[in-house]
């Protein structure tokens, strides 16, 4: 039995939560046990995780629960190690994750309203919960499991004030069998802390410093009086493409704040281990021209690849002042290795292999990614001009996020950020040309009130010679594994256009390594068909983490999809990361 009174109580005895945030969906499952063992040895008694809706229901009505998505296995590992669990299954999670965890297919309906009592949205949430919540119910503390708290929404006070929506989430989870206590979490500043609360849930705060001041501010404004908790004690921060350096925290300030938290309340470290935004699942930040990098290292207590840090040892020492520290053996052997330089084996440009990858959709007008039933990746719009018309200029209407234009396979322009809606003059275009516009979804915004504006691709039109063009072939390039294996490297190669580059190498013993993409411009990388994530020469991240379980003994294949027409003759698998200075 877990209760909320003046303190947290477990089986009638006071219980202080000392927890670490660890996202199962950002770490390969072969390493979950290692990270949880290290969490326990640091002195934590609890692990916390979000559950991202779009990771488990990428297509409406189609649910995925295996591999990295096996949240039940993750919970069982934590229970086996004696860790209690805080679950945050809210439809929206933020977390610097693509669209804050919301599935992109919600935006296929143009009238969609998110995170409120809009009926179609609520129906979608209820359909999702009808599958998810029954999976969680048996793991609750009062059913013999270790789940002690469930969060209702996430930082809702920053978004809205629809209390009826929060009540719907609370009541729906209760109806479906959630019996442990509920919490909310919001920034403790201003009206947002109050707007995010709902009756029957303990309000917790998210902050990175000033513990005594934050708790003092929170306490009189909590609807339910009870223990004080920092649900997200920010021990670092995330990186975005184009920033000058890898962000870190002030360890001495972290230590002071942790000591205060141990004295005054309860804590969940964010992040204990950040992990990796594999695939196209990085989020983006409102108002910024670039998205979050592939690494979610976060300057966490463990590194992106699970290495123990000075921060870990310092926090372990502080926690040890207040409780006995366990010392369980680490059971997973993990090594870093430099595999060295690998020369390019084959290459093919995108236009040569395009029709092998996907059958185009034909449409009178551009379809957004969502309308074309695509969530992430790239989408290509092909226009075949009339034999009598020459392209002089192009303007994109409603494009997001980054577009490149090509005429007869020749590069013409890049539209990104502030120049997305500009006019682009076209040179050397003969009549009857083929115009290709490759648009990248660089990551949907994961925070703020602009979530409903996150449709990707081209949402309105392409103006050619100052009039709207009608008639498109649309290629959805989500680059899932079944699409990547269709790349035809025998189809031909032209320089200076988007292209695929293949690298083949032998491995005797798999080990963690880091893909150095020096010499390439921008794109994404695949190891044996698995999408490692995006790379971009502007940094700060200069290498992509490649965990050993994604390698196999024998022959392995890396494919880079490069959009900028920049390419080196080789890549390098290094023995250590490079996240920027």
Protein backbone atom coordinates (compact mmCIF):
# COMPACT_ATOMS: atom_id res chain seq x y z
CA UNK A 1 0.00 0.00 0.00
CA UNK A 2 1.34 3.41 -0.99
CA UNK A 3 -0.34 6.50 0.47
CA UNK A 4 -0.02 10.27 0.34
CA UNK A 5 -0.45 11.99 3.71
CA UNK A 6 1.92 14.50 5.28
CA UNK A 7 4.61 12.33 3.71
CA UNK A 8 4.64 9.38 1.37
CA UNK A 9 3.90 6.16 3.24
CA UNK A 10 4.75 2.63 2.10
CA UNK A 11 2.96 -0.09 4.06
CA UNK A 12 2.34 2.41 6.85
CA UNK A 13 5.95 3.58 7.16
CA UNK A 14 7.31 6.96 5.95
CA UNK A 15 8.98 6.63 2.54
CA UNK A 16 11.29 9.14 0.86
CA UNK A 17 11.37 8.87 -2.93
CA UNK A 18 14.87 9.10 -4.38
CA UNK A 19 14.34 8.42 -8.06
CA UNK A 20 16.04 8.71 -11.42
CA UNK A 21 14.46 9.38 -14.80
CA UNK A 22 15.42 6.71 -17.31
CA UNK A 23 13.60 6.47 -20.63
CA UNK A 24 13.48 2.88 -21.82
CA UNK A 25 12.74 4.18 -25.32
CA UNK A 26 16.10 5.95 -25.54
CA UNK A 27 18.29 2.96 -24.66
CA UNK A 28 18.57 -0.44 -26.31
CA UNK A 29 16.84 -3.07 -24.12
CA UNK A 30 20.03 -5.12 -23.75
CA UNK A 31 21.33 -2.27 -21.55
CA UNK A 32 18.27 -1.61 -19.39
CA UNK A 33 19.45 -3.89 -16.59
CA UNK A 34 22.90 -2.24 -16.48
CA UNK A 35 21.42 1.23 -16.13
CA UNK A 36 18.96 0.09 -13.44
CA UNK A 37 21.71 -1.68 -11.45
CA UNK A 38 23.79 1.50 -11.49
CA UNK A 39 20.72 3.50 -10.41
CA UNK A 40 20.24 1.25 -7.42
CA UNK A 41 23.92 1.40 -6.48
CA UNK A 42 23.78 5.20 -6.52
CA UNK A 43 21.26 4.98 -3.71
CA UNK A 44 17.97 5.43 -5.59
CA UNK A 45 14.96 3.38 -4.56
CA UNK A 46 12.77 4.34 -7.53
CA UNK A 47 12.96 4.72 -11.32
CA UNK A 48 10.73 7.04 -13.36
CA UNK A 49 9.83 6.86 -17.02
CA UNK A 50 7.54 8.51 -19.52
CA UNK A 51 5.57 6.38 -21.97
CA UNK A 52 5.50 8.09 -25.40
CA UNK A 53 2.19 7.57 -27.22
CA UNK A 54 3.70 8.04 -30.70
CA UNK A 55 6.29 5.34 -30.01
CA UNK A 56 3.63 2.76 -29.28
CA UNK A 57 0.86 3.80 -31.70
CA UNK A 58 2.71 5.26 -34.71
CA UNK A 59 -0.30 4.50 -36.90
CA UNK A 60 -3.83 4.86 -35.62
CA UNK A 61 -5.00 1.57 -34.17
CA UNK A 62 -1.67 -0.21 -34.74
CA UNK A 63 0.20 -0.80 -31.47
CA UNK A 64 3.83 -1.86 -30.98
CA UNK A 65 5.11 -3.38 -27.72
CA UNK A 66 8.25 -5.35 -28.62
CA UNK A 67 11.99 -4.64 -28.47
CA UNK A 68 12.69 -1.09 -27.30
CA UNK A 69 8.92 -0.68 -26.90
CA UNK A 70 8.52 -3.50 -24.37
CA UNK A 71 7.62 -1.32 -21.41
CA UNK A 72 6.34 -4.33 -19.47
CA UNK A 73 9.76 -5.98 -19.65
CA UNK A 74 11.33 -2.73 -18.46
CA UNK A 75 8.97 -2.60 -15.48
CA UNK A 76 9.67 -6.24 -14.66
CA UNK A 77 13.44 -5.64 -14.67
CA UNK A 78 13.02 -2.72 -12.27
CA UNK A 79 10.83 -4.83 -10.01
CA UNK A 80 13.33 -7.69 -10.08
CA UNK A 81 15.98 -5.29 -8.80
CA UNK A 82 13.69 -4.05 -6.03
CA UNK A 83 13.12 -0.60 -7.52
CA UNK A 84 9.80 1.19 -7.18
CA UNK A 85 8.41 2.84 -10.28
CA UNK A 86 6.84 6.16 -11.21
CA UNK A 87 5.03 5.99 -14.54
CA UNK A 88 4.18 9.06 -16.61
CA UNK A 89 1.82 7.78 -19.33
CA UNK A 90 0.19 11.12 -20.14
CA UNK A 91 -0.74 11.60 -23.81
CA UNK A 92 1.79 14.46 -23.92
CA UNK A 93 5.24 14.06 -22.37
CA UNK A 94 7.39 16.94 -23.77
CA UNK A 95 10.78 15.27 -23.06
CA UNK A 96 12.48 16.88 -26.09
CA UNK A 97 10.81 14.04 -28.01
CA UNK A 98 9.13 14.30 -31.42
CA UNK A 99 5.81 16.20 -30.98
CA UNK A 100 6.05 15.75 -27.21
CA UNK A 101 4.97 12.13 -27.62
CA UNK A 102 1.71 12.92 -29.41
CA UNK A 103 1.16 10.85 -32.57
CA UNK A 104 1.41 12.86 -35.78
CA UNK A 105 -1.71 11.21 -37.21
CA UNK A 106 -3.79 13.36 -34.87
CA UNK A 107 -3.01 16.27 -37.19
CA UNK A 108 -4.53 14.58 -40.21
CA UNK A 109 -7.81 16.14 -39.05
CA UNK A 110 -7.50 19.86 -39.79
CA UNK A 111 -9.85 20.84 -36.98
CA UNK A 112 -7.89 18.90 -34.35
CA UNK A 113 -7.53 20.49 -30.93
CA UNK A 114 -4.95 18.97 -28.60
CA UNK A 115 -4.65 18.66 -24.83
CA UNK A 116 -8.21 19.77 -24.12
CA UNK A 117 -11.75 18.40 -24.01
CA UNK A 118 -12.13 18.27 -27.79
CA UNK A 119 -14.12 15.10 -28.38
CA UNK A 120 -12.09 13.52 -31.24
CA UNK A 121 -8.89 14.03 -29.25
CA UNK A 122 -10.42 12.52 -26.12
CA UNK A 123 -11.67 9.54 -28.11
CA UNK A 124 -8.16 8.95 -29.48
CA UNK A 125 -6.69 9.15 -25.96
CA UNK A 126 -9.29 6.72 -24.62
CA UNK A 127 -8.61 4.24 -27.44
CA UNK A 128 -4.90 4.41 -26.60
CA UNK A 129 -5.46 4.09 -22.88
CA UNK A 130 -7.76 1.11 -23.41
CA UNK A 131 -4.68 -0.75 -24.68
CA UNK A 132 -1.94 0.81 -22.50
CA UNK A 133 -3.51 1.06 -19.05
CA UNK A 134 -4.44 -2.65 -18.72
CA UNK A 135 -0.75 -3.42 -19.30
CA UNK A 136 0.22 -1.24 -16.31
CA UNK A 137 -2.51 -2.28 -13.87
CA UNK A 138 -0.94 -5.59 -12.73
CA UNK A 139 2.34 -3.85 -11.84
CA UNK A 140 0.81 -1.50 -9.25
CA UNK A 141 1.99 -1.73 -5.64
CA UNK A 142 -1.44 -2.85 -4.42
CA UNK A 143 -1.47 -5.67 -7.01
CA UNK A 144 1.89 -7.07 -5.96
CA UNK A 145 3.99 -4.88 -8.28
CA UNK A 146 6.17 -1.80 -7.76
CA UNK A 147 4.37 1.11 -9.48
CA UNK A 148 3.71 3.64 -6.73
CA UNK A 149 2.69 6.81 -8.60
CA UNK A 150 1.09 7.65 -11.96
CA UNK A 151 1.23 11.13 -13.50
CA UNK A 152 -1.94 12.56 -15.08
CA UNK A 153 -0.55 15.08 -17.60
CA UNK A 154 2.78 16.83 -18.02
CA UNK A 155 3.45 20.51 -17.29
CA UNK A 156 -0.13 21.21 -18.33
CA UNK A 157 -0.09 24.60 -16.62
CA UNK A 158 2.24 25.89 -19.35
CA UNK A 159 -0.31 24.89 -22.01
CA UNK A 160 -3.87 25.33 -20.82
CA UNK A 161 -6.43 25.52 -18.03
CA UNK A 162 -9.03 22.96 -19.11
CA UNK A 163 -9.56 21.25 -15.77
CA UNK A 164 -12.26 19.05 -17.32
CA UNK A 165 -9.58 17.55 -19.55
CA UNK A 166 -7.41 16.67 -16.56
CA UNK A 167 -10.46 15.20 -14.84
CA UNK A 168 -11.12 13.10 -17.94
CA UNK A 169 -7.59 11.67 -17.83
CA UNK A 170 -7.84 11.02 -14.09
CA UNK A 171 -11.27 9.39 -14.28
CA UNK A 172 -10.44 7.34 -17.38
CA UNK A 173 -7.36 5.84 -15.75
CA UNK A 174 -9.33 5.11 -12.58
CA UNK A 175 -12.05 3.40 -14.61
CA UNK A 176 -9.42 1.29 -16.35
CA UNK A 177 -7.88 0.08 -13.10
CA UNK A 178 -5.27 2.59 -11.89
CA UNK A 179 -5.55 2.56 -8.11
CA UNK A 180 -2.23 4.03 -6.95
CA UNK A 181 -2.00 7.78 -6.18
CA UNK A 182 -1.92 10.37 -8.96
CA UNK A 183 0.50 13.27 -9.35
CA UNK A 184 0.83 16.27 -11.63
CA UNK A 185 4.09 18.07 -12.42
CA UNK A 186 4.56 21.71 -13.40
CA UNK A 187 7.04 24.52 -13.09
CA UNK A 188 6.61 26.05 -9.64
CA UNK A 189 6.52 29.60 -11.00
CA UNK A 190 3.55 31.91 -11.59
CA UNK A 191 0.08 30.69 -12.52
CA UNK A 192 1.31 27.62 -14.40
CA UNK A 193 1.73 25.65 -11.18
CA UNK A 194 -1.88 26.20 -10.22
CA UNK A 195 -3.36 25.73 -13.71
CA UNK A 196 -1.84 22.26 -14.00
CA UNK A 197 -3.43 20.88 -10.83
CA UNK A 198 -6.55 18.74 -10.51
CA UNK A 199 -8.45 17.40 -7.52
CA UNK A 200 -7.19 14.06 -6.31
CA UNK A 201 -3.61 14.47 -7.53
CA UNK A 202 -0.54 15.65 -5.63
CA UNK A 203 1.16 18.60 -7.31
CA UNK A 204 4.92 18.25 -7.80
CA UNK A 205 7.43 20.75 -9.20
CA UNK A 206 9.98 20.71 -12.00
CA UNK A 207 13.12 22.83 -11.49
CA UNK A 208 16.89 22.71 -11.48
CA UNK A 209 18.02 24.87 -8.58
CA UNK A 210 16.89 26.93 -5.59
CA UNK A 211 15.22 24.03 -3.80
CA UNK A 212 14.27 25.88 -0.62
CA UNK A 213 12.76 28.80 -2.54
CA UNK A 214 10.87 26.53 -4.96
CA UNK A 215 9.39 24.38 -2.21
CA UNK A 216 8.44 27.49 -0.24
CA UNK A 217 6.59 28.81 -3.29
CA UNK A 218 4.86 25.51 -4.03
CA UNK A 219 3.54 24.53 -0.61
CA UNK A 220 0.79 27.15 -0.07
CA UNK A 221 -0.47 26.70 -3.66
CA UNK A 222 -0.90 22.92 -3.59
CA UNK A 223 -4.54 21.84 -3.77
CA UNK A 224 -3.71 18.58 -2.00
CA UNK A 225 -1.48 19.14 0.99
CA UNK A 226 1.20 16.51 1.27
CA UNK A 227 4.90 15.85 0.78
CA UNK A 228 7.04 18.14 -1.35
CA UNK A 229 8.62 16.62 -4.42
CA UNK A 230 10.75 17.77 -7.30
CA UNK A 231 9.53 15.53 -10.11
CA UNK A 232 12.23 16.83 -12.47
CA UNK A 233 15.42 17.93 -10.77
CA UNK A 234 17.24 19.15 -13.86
CA UNK A 235 20.86 18.04 -13.50
CA UNK A 236 21.76 19.15 -17.03
CA UNK A 237 20.16 20.28 -20.28
CA UNK A 238 19.69 19.25 -23.89
CA UNK A 239 21.52 20.37 -27.04
CA UNK A 240 20.19 21.78 -30.32
CA UNK A 241 21.86 21.70 -33.73
CA UNK A 242 23.85 24.86 -34.37
CA UNK A 243 24.60 25.85 -30.78
CA UNK A 244 28.24 26.50 -30.03
CA UNK A 245 28.90 23.86 -27.39
CA UNK A 246 27.54 20.88 -25.49
CA UNK A 247 25.56 22.11 -22.50
CA UNK A 248 26.43 21.06 -18.98
CA UNK A 249 25.47 21.90 -15.42
CA UNK A 250 27.22 23.44 -12.42
CA UNK A 251 28.09 20.36 -10.37
CA UNK A 252 28.74 22.30 -7.16
CA UNK A 253 25.29 23.89 -7.41
CA UNK A 254 23.77 20.48 -8.21
CA UNK A 255 25.33 19.04 -5.06
CA UNK A 256 24.01 21.81 -2.85
CA UNK A 257 20.51 21.45 -4.27
CA UNK A 258 20.53 17.67 -3.89
CA UNK A 259 21.52 17.97 -0.24
CA UNK A 260 18.57 20.33 0.29
CA UNK A 261 16.24 17.91 -1.50
CA UNK A 262 17.33 15.03 0.70
CA UNK A 263 16.55 17.12 3.77
CA UNK A 264 13.29 18.71 2.67
CA UNK A 265 11.42 16.38 0.39
CA UNK A 266 11.55 13.89 -2.47
CA UNK A 267 13.42 13.91 -5.74
CA UNK A 268 13.45 12.48 -9.24
CA UNK A 269 16.64 13.23 -11.17
CA UNK A 270 16.08 14.43 -14.74
CA UNK A 271 17.96 12.87 -16.39
CA UNK A 272 19.60 10.00 -14.55
CA UNK A 273 20.55 8.73 -18.00
CA UNK A 274 19.39 10.61 -21.08
CA UNK A 275 20.16 8.14 -23.83
CA UNK A 276 19.65 8.71 -27.55
CA UNK A 277 17.00 10.13 -29.88
CA UNK A 278 17.28 7.22 -32.29
CA UNK A 279 15.58 7.55 -35.65
CA UNK A 280 13.70 10.78 -36.28
CA UNK A 281 12.34 11.08 -32.73
CA UNK A 282 14.17 14.21 -31.59
CA UNK A 283 11.96 17.13 -30.70
CA UNK A 284 12.36 20.79 -31.55
CA UNK A 285 11.98 24.01 -29.62
CA UNK A 286 9.57 26.80 -30.45
CA UNK A 287 11.25 29.83 -31.97
CA UNK A 288 14.53 28.03 -32.65
CA UNK A 289 15.69 27.50 -36.24
CA UNK A 290 17.11 24.06 -35.48
CA UNK A 291 15.97 20.92 -33.72
CA UNK A 292 17.46 18.92 -30.87
CA UNK A 293 20.50 16.79 -31.65
CA UNK A 294 20.45 13.00 -31.82
CA UNK A 295 22.23 12.58 -28.50
CA UNK A 296 20.11 13.08 -25.40
CA UNK A 297 23.16 12.90 -23.15
CA UNK A 298 21.69 15.84 -21.18
CA UNK A 299 24.89 16.00 -19.10
CA UNK A 300 23.10 13.30 -17.12
CA UNK A 301 24.30 11.35 -14.12
CA UNK A 302 25.30 8.61 -16.53
CA UNK A 303 26.57 9.48 -20.00
CA UNK A 304 24.58 8.74 -23.14
CA UNK A 305 26.24 5.32 -23.30
CA UNK A 306 25.88 4.60 -19.58
CA UNK A 307 29.32 5.53 -18.25
CA UNK A 308 29.61 6.53 -14.58
CA UNK A 309 30.49 10.23 -14.19
CA UNK A 310 31.83 12.59 -11.53
CA UNK A 311 28.22 13.66 -11.06
CA UNK A 312 27.22 10.06 -10.30
CA UNK A 313 29.93 9.68 -7.67
CA UNK A 314 29.11 13.05 -6.09
CA UNK A 315 25.39 12.29 -5.92
CA UNK A 316 26.09 8.81 -4.56
CA UNK A 317 28.14 10.33 -1.74
CA UNK A 318 25.38 12.80 -0.83
CA UNK A 319 22.65 10.18 -0.91
CA UNK A 320 24.86 7.95 1.23
CA UNK A 321 24.73 10.54 4.00
CA UNK A 322 21.02 9.84 4.41
CA UNK A 323 20.61 6.13 3.63
CA UNK A 324 22.60 2.94 3.36
CA UNK A 325 23.95 2.37 -0.13
CA UNK A 326 23.60 -1.03 -1.78
CA UNK A 327 26.44 -2.57 -3.72
CA UNK A 328 25.05 -5.04 -6.21
CA UNK A 329 27.29 -6.46 -8.95
CA UNK A 330 26.97 -5.07 -12.47
CA UNK A 331 25.99 -8.00 -14.66
CA UNK A 332 26.31 -6.57 -18.18
CA UNK A 333 29.73 -6.40 -19.79
CA UNK A 334 29.99 -3.18 -21.79
CA UNK A 335 33.03 -2.07 -23.77
CA UNK A 336 33.92 0.86 -25.98
CA UNK A 337 35.95 0.14 -29.09
CA UNK A 338 37.47 1.99 -32.01
CA UNK A 339 36.81 0.00 -35.18
CA UNK A 340 38.68 2.51 -37.32
CA UNK A 341 38.15 3.89 -40.78
CA UNK A 342 35.76 2.30 -43.28
CA UNK A 343 35.82 3.19 -46.95
CA UNK A 344 32.67 3.74 -48.97
CA UNK A 345 31.57 0.57 -50.72
CA UNK A 346 28.73 1.75 -52.99
CA UNK A 347 26.72 4.89 -53.57
CA UNK A 348 23.58 5.92 -55.43
CA UNK A 349 21.82 9.25 -55.72
CA UNK A 350 18.27 9.63 -54.47
CA UNK A 351 16.74 10.42 -57.84
CA UNK A 352 18.21 7.30 -59.45
CA UNK A 353 16.69 4.94 -56.87
CA UNK A 354 13.59 6.94 -55.93
CA UNK A 355 11.02 4.79 -57.71
CA UNK A 356 12.49 1.65 -56.11
CA UNK A 357 11.83 3.05 -52.64
CA UNK A 358 8.17 3.97 -52.79
CA UNK A 359 5.24 4.23 -55.18
CA UNK A 360 4.28 7.91 -55.47
CA UNK A 361 0.88 9.26 -54.52
CA UNK A 362 -0.72 11.44 -57.17
CA UNK A 363 -2.50 14.56 -56.00
CA UNK A 364 -3.88 17.76 -57.49
CA UNK A 365 -2.33 19.73 -54.62
CA UNK A 366 0.49 19.05 -52.15
CA UNK A 367 -0.36 16.70 -49.32
CA UNK A 368 1.19 17.35 -45.94
CA UNK A 369 3.05 14.47 -44.33
CA UNK A 370 0.03 13.80 -42.14
CA UNK A 371 -2.37 13.75 -45.09
CA UNK A 372 -0.01 11.34 -46.85
CA UNK A 373 -0.05 9.04 -43.77
CA UNK A 374 3.58 9.78 -42.92
CA UNK A 375 4.92 10.76 -39.51
CA UNK A 376 8.62 11.58 -39.82
CA UNK A 377 11.55 11.67 -42.23
CA UNK A 378 11.49 13.30 -45.66
CA UNK A 379 8.82 13.85 -48.28
CA UNK A 380 9.51 14.65 -51.94
CA UNK A 381 7.16 16.61 -54.21
CA UNK A 382 7.68 16.16 -57.96
CA UNK A 383 6.25 18.59 -60.49
CA UNK A 384 6.41 17.94 -64.22
CA UNK A 385 6.16 21.25 -66.04
CA UNK A 386 4.25 21.70 -69.28
CA UNK A 387 6.36 21.40 -72.40
CA UNK A 388 5.71 25.06 -73.12
CA UNK A 389 6.59 26.48 -69.68
CA UNK A 390 10.00 27.44 -68.33
CA UNK A 391 10.55 27.78 -64.57
CA UNK A 392 11.76 31.27 -63.70
CA UNK A 393 10.98 31.43 -59.98
CA UNK A 394 9.59 29.34 -57.13
CA UNK A 395 7.97 30.20 -53.82
CA UNK A 396 6.82 27.67 -51.22
CA UNK A 397 3.60 28.25 -49.29
CA UNK A 398 3.29 26.52 -45.94
CA UNK A 399 6.51 24.49 -46.01
CA UNK A 400 8.02 22.89 -42.91
CA UNK A 401 10.78 22.48 -41.92
CA UNK A 402 13.62 22.44 -44.44
CA UNK A 403 13.21 22.25 -48.21
CA UNK A 404 15.67 21.75 -51.06
CA UNK A 405 14.79 22.41 -54.70
CA UNK A 406 16.17 20.60 -57.75
CA UNK A 407 15.41 21.11 -61.45
CA UNK A 408 16.15 18.14 -63.70
CA UNK A 409 18.22 16.71 -60.84
CA UNK A 410 20.33 19.84 -60.43
CA UNK A 411 20.43 21.67 -57.09
CA UNK A 412 18.77 25.12 -57.02
CA UNK A 413 18.02 26.28 -53.46
CA UNK A 414 17.63 25.47 -49.77
CA UNK A 415 14.75 27.01 -47.81
CA UNK A 416 15.05 26.86 -44.04
CA UNK A 417 14.00 28.98 -41.09
CA UNK A 418 13.34 32.60 -41.95
CA UNK A 419 13.71 32.12 -45.70
CA UNK A 420 11.17 29.30 -46.07
CA UNK A 421 8.66 31.59 -47.76
CA UNK A 422 11.12 33.54 -49.93
CA UNK A 423 11.13 33.63 -53.72
CA UNK A 424 13.89 31.59 -55.36
CA UNK A 425 15.09 32.38 -58.87
CA UNK A 426 15.81 29.35 -61.07
CA UNK A 427 18.68 29.25 -63.56
CA UNK A 428 19.24 27.17 -66.68
CA UNK A 429 15.77 25.58 -66.69
CA UNK A 430 14.52 24.37 -70.03
CA UNK A 431 10.83 24.09 -70.88
CA UNK A 432 9.11 20.96 -69.60
CA UNK A 433 11.52 20.50 -66.70
CA UNK A 434 11.05 18.24 -63.68
CA UNK A 435 11.02 20.13 -60.39
CA UNK A 436 11.75 18.14 -57.20
CA UNK A 437 11.29 19.61 -53.74
CA UNK A 438 12.70 17.49 -50.90
CA UNK A 439 11.26 18.52 -47.52
CA UNK A 440 12.63 17.32 -44.18
CA UNK A 441 10.68 17.16 -40.95
CA UNK A 442 13.54 18.16 -38.65
CA UNK A 443 11.46 17.39 -35.54
CA UNK A 444 8.08 18.59 -34.37
CA UNK A 445 8.02 21.14 -31.57
CA UNK A 446 7.63 19.35 -28.23
CA UNK A 447 6.77 22.26 -25.94
CA UNK A 448 4.54 25.33 -25.95
CA UNK A 449 1.13 26.27 -27.25
CA UNK A 450 1.94 25.82 -30.93
CA UNK A 451 1.48 22.04 -31.08
CA UNK A 452 -1.50 22.27 -33.41
CA UNK A 453 0.69 24.06 -35.98
CA UNK A 454 3.14 21.17 -36.41
CA UNK A 455 2.02 19.76 -39.76
CA UNK A 456 5.04 18.94 -41.92
CA UNK A 457 5.89 18.84 -45.61
CA UNK A 458 4.09 21.40 -47.77
CA UNK A 459 0.71 22.27 -46.34
CA UNK A 460 -0.48 24.80 -48.93
CA UNK A 461 1.11 25.03 -52.35
CA UNK A 462 4.11 25.64 -54.60
CA UNK A 463 4.01 28.82 -56.62
CA UNK A 464 5.83 28.50 -59.94
CA UNK A 465 6.25 31.70 -61.94
CA UNK A 466 3.96 33.47 -59.44
CA UNK A 467 0.97 31.15 -59.78
CA UNK A 468 0.05 28.07 -57.82
CA UNK A 469 0.92 24.81 -59.50
CA UNK A 470 -1.51 21.88 -59.52
CA UNK A 471 -0.51 18.27 -60.08
CA UNK A 472 2.08 16.44 -57.93
CA UNK A 473 3.75 13.08 -57.51
CA UNK A 474 4.44 12.69 -53.80
CA UNK A 475 7.07 10.30 -52.41
CA UNK A 476 6.94 9.50 -48.68
CA UNK A 477 10.47 8.79 -47.46
CA UNK A 478 10.05 7.69 -43.85
CA UNK A 479 13.15 5.48 -44.19
CA UNK A 480 11.90 2.66 -42.04
CA UNK A 481 13.95 -0.52 -42.36
CA UNK A 482 11.71 -2.05 -45.02
CA UNK A 483 12.30 1.03 -47.20
CA UNK A 484 16.06 1.28 -46.66
CA UNK A 485 16.60 -2.30 -47.87
CA UNK A 486 15.08 -1.26 -51.21
CA UNK A 487 17.87 1.20 -52.02
CA UNK A 488 19.27 0.12 -55.40
CA UNK A 489 22.98 0.89 -55.37
CA UNK A 490 23.29 -0.20 -59.01
CA UNK A 491 21.02 2.57 -60.27
CA UNK A 492 23.64 5.28 -60.80
CA UNK A 493 25.23 8.20 -59.01
CA UNK A 494 25.44 11.93 -59.66
CA UNK A 495 27.47 14.24 -57.43
CA UNK A 496 26.13 17.22 -55.47
CA UNK A 497 22.61 15.86 -54.92
CA UNK A 498 21.03 13.82 -52.09
CA UNK A 499 22.47 10.31 -52.11
CA UNK A 500 22.96 7.07 -50.19
CA UNK A 501 26.45 5.87 -49.21
CA UNK A 502 27.10 2.28 -48.12
CA UNK A 503 29.92 1.15 -45.82
CA UNK A 504 30.59 -2.55 -45.12
CA UNK A 505 32.83 -3.83 -42.34
CA UNK A 506 33.54 -6.97 -40.32
CA UNK A 507 33.15 -7.29 -36.56
CA UNK A 508 34.69 -10.07 -34.47
CA UNK A 509 33.36 -8.84 -31.14
CA UNK A 510 30.57 -6.20 -30.96
CA UNK A 511 31.30 -3.21 -28.73
CA UNK A 512 29.96 0.29 -28.24
CA UNK A 513 31.41 2.69 -30.80
CA UNK A 514 30.82 6.16 -32.20
CA UNK A 515 30.22 7.04 -35.84
CA UNK A 516 32.31 10.03 -36.90
CA UNK A 517 30.72 11.66 -39.97
CA UNK A 518 33.44 14.21 -40.74
CA UNK A 519 33.33 15.19 -44.41
CA UNK A 520 29.58 14.72 -44.72
CA UNK A 521 27.08 17.56 -44.46
CA UNK A 522 23.64 16.64 -43.18
CA UNK A 523 21.49 13.54 -43.12
CA UNK A 524 20.83 10.36 -41.19
CA UNK A 525 22.64 7.07 -40.55
CA UNK A 526 21.51 3.45 -40.52
CA UNK A 527 23.28 0.43 -39.02
CA UNK A 528 22.01 -2.89 -40.38
CA UNK A 529 18.75 -1.13 -41.24
CA UNK A 530 18.28 0.51 -37.82
CA UNK A 531 18.01 4.31 -37.88
CA UNK A 532 20.73 5.68 -35.57
CA UNK A 533 19.49 9.24 -36.03
CA UNK A 534 20.47 12.49 -37.69
CA UNK A 535 23.90 14.00 -38.21
CA UNK A 536 24.76 17.59 -39.19
CA UNK A 537 28.18 19.13 -39.63
CA UNK A 538 27.17 22.33 -37.82
CA UNK A 539 27.38 20.44 -34.49
CA UNK A 540 27.81 20.57 -31.61
CA UNK A 541 27.47 16.77 -31.84
CA UNK A 542 30.16 15.33 -34.11
CA UNK A 543 29.68 11.58 -33.58
CA UNK A 544 26.65 9.31 -33.29
CA UNK A 545 26.50 6.68 -30.55
CA UNK A 546 26.31 3.13 -31.94
CA UNK A 547 25.58 0.62 -29.14
CA UNK A 548 27.07 -2.86 -29.41
CA UNK A 549 23.72 -4.73 -29.56
CA UNK A 550 23.05 -3.10 -32.94
CA UNK A 551 26.19 -4.75 -34.34
CA UNK A 552 26.52 -8.42 -35.16
CA UNK A 553 29.46 -10.77 -35.43
CA UNK A 554 30.50 -10.90 -39.05
CA UNK A 555 29.42 -8.47 -41.76
CA UNK A 556 27.75 -5.17 -40.85
CA UNK A 557 26.46 -2.39 -43.07
CA UNK A 558 26.18 1.33 -42.43
CA UNK A 559 24.24 3.52 -44.84
CA UNK A 560 24.34 7.31 -44.75
CA UNK A 561 21.63 9.33 -46.44
CA UNK A 562 23.29 12.65 -47.22
CA UNK A 563 21.14 15.58 -48.36
CA UNK A 564 23.74 18.31 -48.96
CA UNK A 565 25.76 16.66 -51.70
CA UNK A 566 28.80 16.59 -49.42
CA UNK A 567 30.61 13.30 -49.00
CA UNK A 568 33.91 11.88 -47.85
CA UNK A 569 35.47 8.64 -49.08
CA UNK A 570 35.19 7.06 -45.62
CA UNK A 571 33.71 7.20 -42.16
CA UNK A 572 35.39 6.47 -38.85
CA UNK A 573 34.11 4.36 -35.95
CA UNK A 574 35.76 5.98 -32.93
CA UNK A 575 36.20 4.72 -29.38
CA UNK A 576 34.74 7.72 -27.61
CA UNK A 577 31.99 10.31 -28.16
CA UNK A 578 32.32 13.88 -29.39
CA UNK A 579 29.33 15.94 -28.29
CA UNK A 580 31.13 19.26 -28.70
CA UNK A 581 33.25 21.18 -26.26
